[in-house]
N, C-alpha and C. Protein backbone atom coordinates (compact mmCIF):
# COMPACT_ATOMS: atom_id res chain seq x y z
N MET A 1 25.54 -22.17 -1.40
CA MET A 1 25.15 -20.92 -0.73
C MET A 1 24.84 -19.85 -1.77
N ASP A 2 23.63 -19.33 -1.80
CA ASP A 2 23.27 -18.31 -2.77
C ASP A 2 23.32 -16.91 -2.18
N GLY A 3 23.68 -16.77 -0.90
CA GLY A 3 23.83 -15.45 -0.30
C GLY A 3 22.54 -14.79 0.12
N ARG A 4 21.42 -15.49 -0.02
CA ARG A 4 20.15 -14.89 0.37
C ARG A 4 19.99 -14.94 1.88
N LYS A 5 19.32 -13.91 2.43
CA LYS A 5 19.09 -13.85 3.87
C LYS A 5 18.00 -14.84 4.26
N PRO A 6 18.10 -15.42 5.45
CA PRO A 6 17.04 -16.32 5.92
C PRO A 6 15.69 -15.61 5.96
N GLN A 7 14.63 -16.42 5.79
CA GLN A 7 13.29 -15.86 5.76
C GLN A 7 12.96 -15.13 7.05
N GLY A 8 13.46 -15.65 8.18
CA GLY A 8 13.18 -15.01 9.47
C GLY A 8 13.75 -13.62 9.55
N GLN A 9 14.94 -13.41 8.99
CA GLN A 9 15.55 -12.08 9.00
C GLN A 9 14.75 -11.11 8.13
N LYS A 10 14.28 -11.59 6.99
CA LYS A 10 13.46 -10.73 6.13
C LYS A 10 12.17 -10.34 6.82
N SER A 11 11.55 -11.33 7.47
CA SER A 11 10.30 -11.05 8.17
C SER A 11 10.51 -10.05 9.30
N GLY A 12 11.62 -10.22 10.04
CA GLY A 12 11.90 -9.30 11.13
C GLY A 12 12.15 -7.90 10.63
N LYS A 13 12.84 -7.78 9.49
CA LYS A 13 13.10 -6.45 8.91
C LYS A 13 11.81 -5.79 8.47
N ARG A 14 10.90 -6.57 7.88
CA ARG A 14 9.61 -6.02 7.45
C ARG A 14 8.81 -5.54 8.65
N GLN A 15 8.86 -6.27 9.75
CA GLN A 15 8.13 -5.87 10.95
C GLN A 15 8.66 -4.54 11.48
N TRP A 16 9.99 -4.39 11.50
CA TRP A 16 10.55 -3.13 11.99
C TRP A 16 10.21 -1.97 11.05
N LEU A 17 10.22 -2.22 9.75
CA LEU A 17 9.83 -1.18 8.80
C LEU A 17 8.37 -0.79 8.99
N HIS A 18 7.54 -1.80 9.26
CA HIS A 18 6.11 -1.56 9.50
C HIS A 18 5.92 -0.72 10.76
N LEU A 19 6.68 -1.07 11.81
CA LEU A 19 6.57 -0.34 13.06
C LEU A 19 7.03 1.11 12.93
N ALA A 20 8.01 1.34 12.07
CA ALA A 20 8.53 2.70 11.88
C ALA A 20 7.66 3.50 10.91
N PHE A 21 7.01 2.82 9.96
CA PHE A 21 6.25 3.51 8.92
C PHE A 21 5.01 4.20 9.48
N TRP A 22 4.19 3.47 10.24
CA TRP A 22 2.92 4.02 10.69
C TRP A 22 3.07 5.16 11.69
N PRO A 23 3.98 5.08 12.66
CA PRO A 23 4.18 6.26 13.51
C PRO A 23 4.62 7.49 12.73
N ALA A 24 5.45 7.28 11.71
CA ALA A 24 5.88 8.41 10.88
C ALA A 24 4.70 9.02 10.14
N ILE A 25 3.82 8.18 9.63
CA ILE A 25 2.63 8.67 8.93
C ILE A 25 1.73 9.44 9.88
N VAL A 26 1.51 8.90 11.07
CA VAL A 26 0.65 9.56 12.06
C VAL A 26 1.22 10.91 12.45
N LEU A 27 2.52 10.97 12.70
CA LEU A 27 3.16 12.23 13.08
C LEU A 27 3.10 13.25 11.95
N ALA A 28 3.25 12.78 10.71
CA ALA A 28 3.15 13.69 9.57
C ALA A 28 1.75 14.27 9.45
N ILE A 29 0.73 13.42 9.58
CA ILE A 29 -0.65 13.89 9.53
C ILE A 29 -0.92 14.85 10.68
N TRP A 30 -0.44 14.49 11.87
CA TRP A 30 -0.63 15.34 13.05
C TRP A 30 -0.03 16.73 12.81
N PHE A 31 1.16 16.80 12.25
CA PHE A 31 1.81 18.09 12.05
C PHE A 31 1.07 18.92 11.00
N VAL A 32 0.67 18.29 9.90
CA VAL A 32 -0.04 19.01 8.84
C VAL A 32 -1.36 19.56 9.36
N VAL A 33 -2.10 18.74 10.09
CA VAL A 33 -3.37 19.18 10.66
C VAL A 33 -3.14 20.31 11.65
N MET A 34 -2.13 20.17 12.51
CA MET A 34 -1.84 21.20 13.50
C MET A 34 -1.51 22.53 12.83
N LYS A 35 -0.73 22.48 11.77
CA LYS A 35 -0.27 23.71 11.12
C LYS A 35 -1.36 24.38 10.30
N PHE A 36 -2.20 23.60 9.62
CA PHE A 36 -3.12 24.19 8.65
C PHE A 36 -4.59 24.16 9.08
N LEU A 37 -4.97 23.27 9.98
CA LEU A 37 -6.39 23.10 10.28
C LEU A 37 -6.78 23.43 11.72
N ASP A 38 -5.84 23.34 12.66
CA ASP A 38 -6.21 23.53 14.07
C ASP A 38 -6.91 24.86 14.31
N MET A 39 -6.30 25.95 13.88
CA MET A 39 -6.86 27.26 14.17
C MET A 39 -8.15 27.55 13.40
N PRO A 40 -8.24 27.26 12.08
CA PRO A 40 -9.51 27.50 11.39
C PRO A 40 -10.68 26.74 11.99
N ILE A 41 -10.45 25.48 12.34
CA ILE A 41 -11.54 24.68 12.91
C ILE A 41 -11.91 25.19 14.30
N ALA A 42 -10.91 25.47 15.12
CA ALA A 42 -11.19 25.99 16.46
C ALA A 42 -11.90 27.33 16.40
N ASP A 43 -11.46 28.21 15.51
CA ASP A 43 -12.10 29.52 15.38
C ASP A 43 -13.54 29.40 14.89
N PHE A 44 -13.79 28.42 14.02
CA PHE A 44 -15.16 28.23 13.52
C PHE A 44 -16.11 27.89 14.67
N PHE A 45 -15.74 26.95 15.49
CA PHE A 45 -16.63 26.53 16.58
C PHE A 45 -16.72 27.57 17.69
N LYS A 46 -15.71 28.42 17.80
CA LYS A 46 -15.77 29.49 18.80
C LYS A 46 -16.66 30.64 18.34
N SER A 47 -16.74 30.84 17.04
CA SER A 47 -17.46 32.01 16.50
C SER A 47 -18.85 31.69 15.99
N HIS A 48 -19.22 30.42 15.94
CA HIS A 48 -20.53 30.03 15.43
C HIS A 48 -21.33 29.31 16.50
N LYS A 49 -22.58 29.71 16.62
CA LYS A 49 -23.50 29.00 17.52
C LYS A 49 -24.08 27.82 16.77
N LEU A 50 -23.85 26.64 17.28
CA LEU A 50 -24.31 25.43 16.60
C LEU A 50 -25.78 25.18 16.88
N PRO A 51 -26.48 24.52 15.97
CA PRO A 51 -27.87 24.13 16.25
C PRO A 51 -27.95 23.28 17.51
N ASP A 52 -29.06 23.40 18.21
CA ASP A 52 -29.22 22.69 19.48
C ASP A 52 -29.02 21.19 19.33
N PHE A 53 -29.47 20.64 18.21
CA PHE A 53 -29.33 19.20 18.01
C PHE A 53 -27.86 18.80 17.93
N VAL A 54 -27.05 19.59 17.19
CA VAL A 54 -25.63 19.28 17.05
C VAL A 54 -24.92 19.44 18.39
N ALA A 55 -25.22 20.54 19.08
CA ALA A 55 -24.58 20.78 20.39
C ALA A 55 -24.98 19.70 21.39
N GLY A 56 -26.25 19.29 21.37
CA GLY A 56 -26.71 18.26 22.28
C GLY A 56 -26.11 16.90 21.97
N THR A 57 -25.97 16.59 20.68
CA THR A 57 -25.36 15.33 20.28
C THR A 57 -23.89 15.28 20.70
N ALA A 58 -23.19 16.40 20.51
CA ALA A 58 -21.78 16.46 20.91
C ALA A 58 -21.64 16.27 22.41
N LYS A 59 -22.52 16.90 23.17
CA LYS A 59 -22.46 16.75 24.62
C LYS A 59 -22.75 15.32 25.03
N PHE A 60 -23.70 14.67 24.36
CA PHE A 60 -24.04 13.28 24.68
C PHE A 60 -22.87 12.35 24.37
N LEU A 61 -22.25 12.52 23.20
CA LEU A 61 -21.14 11.65 22.82
C LEU A 61 -19.92 11.87 23.71
N ASP A 62 -19.82 13.05 24.28
CA ASP A 62 -18.70 13.35 25.17
C ASP A 62 -18.76 12.50 26.44
N TYR A 63 -19.94 11.99 26.78
CA TYR A 63 -20.08 11.15 27.97
C TYR A 63 -19.41 9.78 27.80
N TYR A 64 -19.02 9.44 26.56
CA TYR A 64 -18.41 8.12 26.34
C TYR A 64 -17.08 7.98 27.07
N ASN A 65 -16.46 9.08 27.45
CA ASN A 65 -15.21 8.99 28.23
C ASN A 65 -15.44 9.19 29.71
N ASP A 66 -16.70 9.36 30.11
CA ASP A 66 -17.01 9.57 31.52
C ASP A 66 -16.84 8.28 32.31
N ALA A 67 -16.28 8.39 33.50
CA ALA A 67 -15.97 7.20 34.30
C ALA A 67 -17.23 6.38 34.60
N VAL A 68 -18.31 7.04 34.98
CA VAL A 68 -19.54 6.32 35.32
C VAL A 68 -20.08 5.59 34.09
N ALA A 69 -20.08 6.26 32.93
CA ALA A 69 -20.58 5.64 31.70
C ALA A 69 -19.74 4.43 31.32
N LEU A 70 -18.42 4.54 31.47
CA LEU A 70 -17.55 3.43 31.11
C LEU A 70 -17.71 2.25 32.08
N ILE A 71 -17.92 2.54 33.35
CA ILE A 71 -18.15 1.48 34.33
C ILE A 71 -19.45 0.75 34.01
N LEU A 72 -20.51 1.50 33.70
CA LEU A 72 -21.78 0.88 33.36
C LEU A 72 -21.67 0.05 32.09
N LEU A 73 -20.92 0.56 31.10
CA LEU A 73 -20.71 -0.19 29.86
C LEU A 73 -19.93 -1.47 30.13
N THR A 74 -18.93 -1.39 30.99
CA THR A 74 -18.14 -2.57 31.34
C THR A 74 -18.99 -3.62 32.04
N ILE A 75 -19.84 -3.19 32.96
CA ILE A 75 -20.73 -4.12 33.66
C ILE A 75 -21.68 -4.80 32.67
N SER A 76 -22.25 -3.99 31.76
CA SER A 76 -23.17 -4.55 30.77
C SER A 76 -22.46 -5.56 29.87
N ALA A 77 -21.24 -5.23 29.46
CA ALA A 77 -20.48 -6.14 28.60
C ALA A 77 -20.09 -7.41 29.33
N SER A 78 -19.71 -7.28 30.60
CA SER A 78 -19.23 -8.44 31.35
C SER A 78 -20.34 -9.44 31.63
N ILE A 79 -21.59 -8.99 31.69
CA ILE A 79 -22.70 -9.89 31.97
C ILE A 79 -22.83 -10.96 30.88
N SER A 80 -22.56 -10.58 29.64
CA SER A 80 -22.75 -11.52 28.53
C SER A 80 -21.51 -12.35 28.20
N LEU A 81 -20.41 -12.14 28.93
CA LEU A 81 -19.17 -12.83 28.59
C LEU A 81 -18.91 -14.10 29.40
N GLY A 82 -19.56 -14.25 30.50
CA GLY A 82 -19.31 -15.43 31.31
C GLY A 82 -17.93 -15.41 31.92
N ALA A 83 -17.19 -16.52 31.73
CA ALA A 83 -15.88 -16.67 32.36
C ALA A 83 -14.85 -15.70 31.82
N ASP A 84 -15.08 -15.15 30.61
CA ASP A 84 -14.12 -14.22 30.01
C ASP A 84 -14.23 -12.81 30.55
N ARG A 85 -15.21 -12.57 31.43
CA ARG A 85 -15.43 -11.20 31.87
C ARG A 85 -14.23 -10.63 32.59
N TRP A 86 -13.56 -11.43 33.43
CA TRP A 86 -12.44 -10.91 34.21
C TRP A 86 -11.23 -10.64 33.32
N ARG A 87 -11.08 -11.47 32.28
CA ARG A 87 -10.00 -11.22 31.33
C ARG A 87 -10.23 -9.90 30.60
N MET A 88 -11.49 -9.66 30.20
CA MET A 88 -11.82 -8.41 29.52
C MET A 88 -11.60 -7.22 30.44
N ILE A 89 -12.06 -7.33 31.69
CA ILE A 89 -11.90 -6.23 32.64
C ILE A 89 -10.43 -5.95 32.88
N GLY A 90 -9.63 -7.00 33.01
CA GLY A 90 -8.19 -6.82 33.20
C GLY A 90 -7.55 -6.10 32.03
N ARG A 91 -7.97 -6.47 30.82
CA ARG A 91 -7.41 -5.82 29.63
C ARG A 91 -7.83 -4.35 29.56
N LEU A 92 -9.06 -4.07 29.91
CA LEU A 92 -9.53 -2.68 29.90
C LEU A 92 -8.73 -1.84 30.90
N ILE A 93 -8.54 -2.38 32.09
CA ILE A 93 -7.78 -1.64 33.10
C ILE A 93 -6.34 -1.42 32.64
N LEU A 94 -5.73 -2.46 32.09
CA LEU A 94 -4.36 -2.33 31.59
C LEU A 94 -4.28 -1.30 30.47
N GLY A 95 -5.25 -1.33 29.57
CA GLY A 95 -5.28 -0.36 28.48
C GLY A 95 -5.42 1.06 28.97
N LEU A 96 -6.27 1.26 29.98
CA LEU A 96 -6.45 2.60 30.55
C LEU A 96 -5.18 3.08 31.24
N VAL A 97 -4.50 2.16 31.92
CA VAL A 97 -3.25 2.53 32.59
C VAL A 97 -2.19 2.94 31.57
N ILE A 98 -2.06 2.16 30.49
CA ILE A 98 -1.05 2.46 29.48
C ILE A 98 -1.36 3.77 28.76
N SER A 99 -2.60 3.92 28.32
CA SER A 99 -2.96 5.15 27.61
C SER A 99 -2.88 6.36 28.53
N GLY A 100 -3.30 6.18 29.79
CA GLY A 100 -3.21 7.27 30.75
C GLY A 100 -1.78 7.69 31.01
N GLY A 101 -0.88 6.71 31.07
CA GLY A 101 0.53 7.02 31.28
C GLY A 101 1.12 7.79 30.11
N LEU A 102 0.78 7.38 28.88
CA LEU A 102 1.31 8.06 27.70
C LEU A 102 0.75 9.47 27.58
N VAL A 103 -0.56 9.62 27.82
CA VAL A 103 -1.17 10.95 27.76
C VAL A 103 -0.61 11.84 28.87
N GLY A 104 -0.50 11.27 30.07
CA GLY A 104 0.03 12.04 31.19
C GLY A 104 1.44 12.53 30.93
N LEU A 105 2.23 11.69 30.27
CA LEU A 105 3.60 12.10 29.93
C LEU A 105 3.59 13.31 29.01
N GLY A 106 2.69 13.28 28.02
CA GLY A 106 2.59 14.41 27.10
C GLY A 106 2.15 15.68 27.80
N LYS A 107 1.17 15.57 28.69
CA LYS A 107 0.66 16.75 29.39
C LYS A 107 1.68 17.31 30.38
N VAL A 108 2.49 16.44 30.97
CA VAL A 108 3.50 16.89 31.92
C VAL A 108 4.66 17.58 31.20
N LEU A 109 4.97 17.11 29.99
CA LEU A 109 6.12 17.64 29.28
C LEU A 109 5.80 18.91 28.50
N ILE A 110 4.63 18.96 27.85
CA ILE A 110 4.32 20.04 26.92
C ILE A 110 3.04 20.75 27.36
N SER A 111 3.11 22.07 27.40
CA SER A 111 1.96 22.88 27.79
C SER A 111 1.29 23.47 26.55
N ARG A 112 0.01 23.15 26.38
CA ARG A 112 -0.77 23.72 25.27
C ARG A 112 -2.13 24.15 25.78
N GLN A 113 -2.48 25.39 25.52
CA GLN A 113 -3.73 25.94 26.03
C GLN A 113 -4.92 25.43 25.23
N ARG A 114 -6.01 25.16 25.91
CA ARG A 114 -7.21 24.68 25.24
C ARG A 114 -7.81 25.77 24.36
N PRO A 115 -8.50 25.39 23.28
CA PRO A 115 -9.06 26.39 22.35
C PRO A 115 -10.02 27.38 23.02
N ARG A 116 -10.85 26.92 23.92
CA ARG A 116 -11.86 27.81 24.50
C ARG A 116 -11.24 28.90 25.37
N TRP A 117 -9.99 28.73 25.78
CA TRP A 117 -9.32 29.74 26.59
C TRP A 117 -8.18 30.43 25.86
N PHE A 118 -8.04 30.13 24.57
CA PHE A 118 -6.96 30.73 23.80
C PHE A 118 -7.50 31.90 23.00
N HIS A 119 -6.78 33.03 23.02
CA HIS A 119 -7.26 34.23 22.35
C HIS A 119 -6.26 34.75 21.31
N GLY A 120 -5.27 33.94 20.96
CA GLY A 120 -4.33 34.34 19.93
C GLY A 120 -4.82 33.97 18.55
N SER A 121 -3.92 34.02 17.57
CA SER A 121 -4.30 33.76 16.19
C SER A 121 -3.41 32.72 15.50
N GLN A 122 -2.28 32.37 16.09
CA GLN A 122 -1.34 31.45 15.47
C GLN A 122 -1.25 30.16 16.27
N TRP A 123 -1.13 29.04 15.55
CA TRP A 123 -1.09 27.75 16.24
C TRP A 123 0.13 27.63 17.14
N GLN A 124 1.25 28.29 16.75
CA GLN A 124 2.45 28.23 17.58
C GLN A 124 2.21 28.83 18.96
N GLU A 125 1.32 29.82 19.03
CA GLU A 125 1.06 30.51 20.29
C GLU A 125 0.28 29.65 21.28
N THR A 126 -0.35 28.58 20.77
CA THR A 126 -1.10 27.71 21.68
C THR A 126 -0.18 26.91 22.59
N PHE A 127 1.06 26.72 22.14
CA PHE A 127 2.05 26.04 22.97
C PHE A 127 2.73 27.09 23.85
N THR A 128 2.61 26.92 25.15
CA THR A 128 3.08 27.94 26.08
C THR A 128 4.32 27.53 26.86
N GLY A 129 4.95 26.44 26.48
CA GLY A 129 6.20 26.07 27.14
C GLY A 129 6.25 24.59 27.49
N PHE A 130 7.15 24.28 28.38
CA PHE A 130 7.35 22.90 28.82
C PHE A 130 7.14 22.80 30.32
N PHE A 131 6.83 21.58 30.77
CA PHE A 131 6.68 21.26 32.19
C PHE A 131 5.71 22.20 32.91
N PRO A 132 4.43 22.18 32.49
CA PRO A 132 3.44 23.02 33.18
C PRO A 132 3.25 22.58 34.62
N SER A 133 2.79 23.48 35.45
CA SER A 133 2.57 23.16 36.86
C SER A 133 1.36 22.26 37.01
N TRP A 134 1.30 21.55 38.14
CA TRP A 134 0.19 20.64 38.40
C TRP A 134 -1.14 21.39 38.48
N ASN A 135 -1.10 22.65 38.88
CA ASN A 135 -2.33 23.45 38.97
C ASN A 135 -2.94 23.72 37.61
N ASP A 136 -2.13 23.60 36.55
CA ASP A 136 -2.61 23.89 35.20
C ASP A 136 -2.97 22.63 34.41
N MET A 137 -2.94 21.47 35.05
CA MET A 137 -3.15 20.23 34.32
C MET A 137 -4.52 20.18 33.63
N LYS A 138 -5.55 20.69 34.28
CA LYS A 138 -6.89 20.61 33.70
C LYS A 138 -7.03 21.49 32.46
N SER A 139 -6.15 22.45 32.30
CA SER A 139 -6.23 23.35 31.15
C SER A 139 -5.32 22.92 30.01
N GLN A 140 -4.67 21.77 30.15
CA GLN A 140 -3.74 21.29 29.12
C GLN A 140 -4.49 20.56 28.01
N SER A 141 -4.21 20.96 26.79
CA SER A 141 -4.94 20.44 25.64
C SER A 141 -4.23 19.27 24.95
N PHE A 142 -2.92 19.16 25.15
CA PHE A 142 -2.12 18.22 24.36
C PHE A 142 -1.61 17.06 25.20
N PRO A 143 -1.85 15.80 24.74
CA PRO A 143 -2.84 15.39 23.73
C PRO A 143 -4.20 15.20 24.39
N SER A 144 -5.16 14.68 23.63
CA SER A 144 -6.51 14.48 24.19
C SER A 144 -6.60 13.17 24.95
N GLY A 145 -6.62 13.26 26.26
CA GLY A 145 -6.74 12.05 27.08
C GLY A 145 -8.09 11.40 26.95
N ASP A 146 -9.14 12.21 26.80
CA ASP A 146 -10.49 11.65 26.67
C ASP A 146 -10.61 10.84 25.38
N THR A 147 -9.99 11.33 24.32
CA THR A 147 -9.99 10.58 23.06
C THR A 147 -9.23 9.27 23.20
N ALA A 148 -8.09 9.32 23.87
CA ALA A 148 -7.31 8.10 24.08
C ALA A 148 -8.11 7.06 24.85
N VAL A 149 -8.82 7.49 25.90
CA VAL A 149 -9.65 6.59 26.69
C VAL A 149 -10.74 5.97 25.82
N ALA A 150 -11.42 6.80 25.04
CA ALA A 150 -12.51 6.31 24.20
C ALA A 150 -12.01 5.29 23.19
N PHE A 151 -10.86 5.53 22.60
CA PHE A 151 -10.35 4.63 21.56
C PHE A 151 -9.80 3.33 22.15
N VAL A 152 -9.07 3.41 23.25
CA VAL A 152 -8.55 2.17 23.83
C VAL A 152 -9.71 1.31 24.32
N PHE A 153 -10.74 1.92 24.86
CA PHE A 153 -11.91 1.19 25.32
C PHE A 153 -12.61 0.51 24.15
N SER A 154 -12.82 1.26 23.07
CA SER A 154 -13.53 0.71 21.91
C SER A 154 -12.76 -0.41 21.24
N PHE A 155 -11.45 -0.24 21.08
CA PHE A 155 -10.65 -1.26 20.40
C PHE A 155 -10.62 -2.55 21.21
N ILE A 156 -10.49 -2.45 22.53
CA ILE A 156 -10.45 -3.66 23.35
C ILE A 156 -11.82 -4.35 23.37
N LEU A 157 -12.89 -3.57 23.55
CA LEU A 157 -14.22 -4.17 23.54
C LEU A 157 -14.56 -4.78 22.19
N ALA A 158 -14.08 -4.17 21.11
CA ALA A 158 -14.36 -4.70 19.78
C ALA A 158 -13.78 -6.09 19.60
N GLY A 159 -12.71 -6.40 20.31
CA GLY A 159 -12.15 -7.74 20.24
C GLY A 159 -13.06 -8.79 20.85
N TYR A 160 -13.89 -8.38 21.80
CA TYR A 160 -14.83 -9.31 22.44
C TYR A 160 -16.21 -9.26 21.79
N PHE A 161 -16.54 -8.15 21.16
CA PHE A 161 -17.85 -7.99 20.54
C PHE A 161 -17.67 -7.51 19.09
N PRO A 162 -17.13 -8.36 18.23
CA PRO A 162 -16.85 -7.94 16.85
C PRO A 162 -18.09 -7.50 16.07
N ARG A 163 -19.24 -8.05 16.42
CA ARG A 163 -20.47 -7.66 15.71
C ARG A 163 -20.85 -6.21 15.99
N HIS A 164 -20.37 -5.68 17.11
CA HIS A 164 -20.70 -4.30 17.49
C HIS A 164 -19.52 -3.36 17.34
N ARG A 165 -18.50 -3.80 16.61
CA ARG A 165 -17.28 -3.00 16.54
C ARG A 165 -17.51 -1.64 15.88
N TYR A 166 -18.36 -1.59 14.86
CA TYR A 166 -18.57 -0.31 14.18
C TYR A 166 -19.31 0.69 15.07
N LEU A 167 -20.20 0.20 15.90
CA LEU A 167 -20.85 1.07 16.87
C LEU A 167 -19.84 1.60 17.88
N LEU A 168 -18.94 0.73 18.34
CA LEU A 168 -17.91 1.14 19.29
C LEU A 168 -16.96 2.16 18.67
N TYR A 169 -16.58 1.93 17.40
CA TYR A 169 -15.71 2.88 16.72
C TYR A 169 -16.43 4.22 16.52
N PHE A 170 -17.72 4.15 16.22
CA PHE A 170 -18.50 5.37 16.05
C PHE A 170 -18.53 6.19 17.34
N LEU A 171 -18.71 5.52 18.46
CA LEU A 171 -18.74 6.21 19.75
C LEU A 171 -17.39 6.86 20.05
N ALA A 172 -16.31 6.16 19.72
CA ALA A 172 -14.97 6.71 19.96
C ALA A 172 -14.73 7.94 19.09
N VAL A 173 -15.05 7.83 17.80
CA VAL A 173 -14.86 8.97 16.90
C VAL A 173 -15.77 10.12 17.30
N GLY A 174 -17.01 9.80 17.65
CA GLY A 174 -17.94 10.84 18.08
C GLY A 174 -17.47 11.56 19.33
N CYS A 175 -16.93 10.80 20.27
CA CYS A 175 -16.39 11.39 21.49
C CYS A 175 -15.23 12.33 21.15
N ALA A 176 -14.35 11.88 20.27
CA ALA A 176 -13.20 12.70 19.87
C ALA A 176 -13.66 14.00 19.21
N LEU A 177 -14.60 13.90 18.28
CA LEU A 177 -15.09 15.10 17.59
C LEU A 177 -15.80 16.04 18.55
N SER A 178 -16.47 15.49 19.55
CA SER A 178 -17.16 16.33 20.52
C SER A 178 -16.19 17.20 21.30
N ARG A 179 -14.98 16.69 21.52
CA ARG A 179 -13.97 17.47 22.24
C ARG A 179 -13.54 18.69 21.44
N VAL A 180 -13.53 18.56 20.11
CA VAL A 180 -13.21 19.70 19.25
C VAL A 180 -14.39 20.66 19.17
N ILE A 181 -15.58 20.11 18.97
CA ILE A 181 -16.78 20.93 18.85
C ILE A 181 -17.02 21.77 20.10
N ARG A 182 -16.74 21.20 21.27
CA ARG A 182 -16.99 21.89 22.53
C ARG A 182 -15.82 22.75 22.99
N GLY A 183 -14.76 22.80 22.20
CA GLY A 183 -13.66 23.71 22.47
C GLY A 183 -12.64 23.24 23.49
N TYR A 184 -12.62 21.94 23.76
CA TYR A 184 -11.66 21.43 24.73
C TYR A 184 -10.34 21.00 24.10
N HIS A 185 -10.37 20.71 22.79
CA HIS A 185 -9.16 20.24 22.12
C HIS A 185 -9.11 20.74 20.69
N TYR A 186 -7.89 20.80 20.17
CA TYR A 186 -7.68 21.05 18.76
C TYR A 186 -7.77 19.72 18.01
N THR A 187 -7.95 19.81 16.70
CA THR A 187 -8.09 18.60 15.90
C THR A 187 -6.85 17.73 15.98
N SER A 188 -5.68 18.34 15.99
CA SER A 188 -4.44 17.56 16.08
C SER A 188 -4.33 16.85 17.42
N ASP A 189 -4.92 17.42 18.47
CA ASP A 189 -4.90 16.77 19.79
C ASP A 189 -5.66 15.45 19.77
N ILE A 190 -6.80 15.44 19.10
CA ILE A 190 -7.60 14.20 19.09
C ILE A 190 -6.98 13.17 18.16
N ILE A 191 -6.27 13.61 17.11
CA ILE A 191 -5.58 12.66 16.25
C ILE A 191 -4.51 11.92 17.05
N LEU A 192 -3.74 12.67 17.81
CA LEU A 192 -2.71 12.04 18.62
C LEU A 192 -3.33 11.20 19.74
N GLY A 193 -4.43 11.67 20.31
CA GLY A 193 -5.11 10.90 21.35
C GLY A 193 -5.64 9.58 20.81
N ALA A 194 -6.19 9.60 19.59
CA ALA A 194 -6.67 8.37 18.98
C ALA A 194 -5.52 7.41 18.71
N ALA A 195 -4.39 7.94 18.27
CA ALA A 195 -3.22 7.10 18.03
C ALA A 195 -2.72 6.47 19.33
N VAL A 196 -2.75 7.24 20.42
CA VAL A 196 -2.33 6.71 21.72
C VAL A 196 -3.28 5.60 22.16
N GLY A 197 -4.58 5.80 21.99
CA GLY A 197 -5.55 4.78 22.36
C GLY A 197 -5.37 3.50 21.57
N TYR A 198 -5.14 3.65 20.27
CA TYR A 198 -4.91 2.47 19.42
C TYR A 198 -3.62 1.76 19.83
N LEU A 199 -2.57 2.53 20.07
CA LEU A 199 -1.29 1.94 20.47
C LEU A 199 -1.43 1.18 21.79
N ALA A 200 -2.14 1.78 22.75
CA ALA A 200 -2.33 1.12 24.03
C ALA A 200 -3.09 -0.19 23.87
N ALA A 201 -4.12 -0.18 23.00
CA ALA A 201 -4.88 -1.41 22.76
C ALA A 201 -4.02 -2.49 22.12
N ARG A 202 -3.13 -2.10 21.21
CA ARG A 202 -2.24 -3.08 20.58
C ARG A 202 -1.21 -3.62 21.57
N ILE A 203 -0.74 -2.76 22.47
CA ILE A 203 0.20 -3.22 23.50
C ILE A 203 -0.49 -4.24 24.41
N VAL A 204 -1.73 -3.96 24.78
CA VAL A 204 -2.49 -4.90 25.60
C VAL A 204 -2.66 -6.22 24.86
N GLN A 205 -3.00 -6.14 23.59
CA GLN A 205 -3.17 -7.35 22.78
C GLN A 205 -1.88 -8.17 22.75
N TYR A 206 -0.76 -7.50 22.61
CA TYR A 206 0.53 -8.19 22.57
C TYR A 206 0.87 -8.82 23.90
N LEU A 207 0.69 -8.06 24.98
CA LEU A 207 1.06 -8.55 26.32
C LEU A 207 0.16 -9.70 26.78
N CYS A 208 -1.09 -9.67 26.36
CA CYS A 208 -2.05 -10.67 26.84
C CYS A 208 -2.21 -11.88 25.91
N ALA A 209 -1.59 -11.82 24.75
CA ALA A 209 -1.67 -12.95 23.83
C ALA A 209 -0.77 -14.08 24.31
N PRO A 210 -1.09 -15.33 23.96
CA PRO A 210 -0.22 -16.46 24.34
C PRO A 210 1.18 -16.26 23.79
N SER A 211 2.18 -16.60 24.59
CA SER A 211 3.61 -16.51 24.19
C SER A 211 4.01 -15.11 23.81
N GLY A 212 3.47 -14.10 24.55
CA GLY A 212 3.89 -12.73 24.31
C GLY A 212 3.53 -12.20 22.95
N GLY A 213 2.36 -12.61 22.44
CA GLY A 213 1.89 -12.08 21.16
C GLY A 213 2.38 -12.85 19.96
N LYS A 214 3.17 -13.92 20.15
CA LYS A 214 3.68 -14.68 19.00
C LYS A 214 2.63 -15.62 18.49
């Protein structure tokens, strides 16, 4: 007996460290961006009139989270998949449910005013309390649900269409940036929304893989 731990225990410990490391990194980036970049970026887009091409492109990319656009994209994707189409559709629905639940939890717990309706100067002032009323749900900025939808959709579709994954990622990033450009979210909101979308896609991958992702 040399006292060394079994390989399985080492592997399990590395997995837990991996799981703890990346959320910590994301939260650290989110906090730094929120503290130092949210207000300057939001103020820039509120005080500057963008060229028509930039504004039009942002508006177009914002449609990537629209229900009708996503349904049409799903139909187009399912046509070329054959028997796998129902599996893909099921994964997309599951991903939307998971990401929607996580985003909804954030919006129900924490109240943050959207940039276009905020008239203060400090990022702390954008947070207006906890447990906002249902009547204020549409004005809640934290986190970005549209970004979460765009990312979970792109990550799941990329698994079925790897040749088009960079286009799908571009659409997700473009949709997220459009939310900032149009004054609906702060930059930190879309970072957390993207993380939620990625997490939801990974949960779907785990749940739908043979033997529970093993």
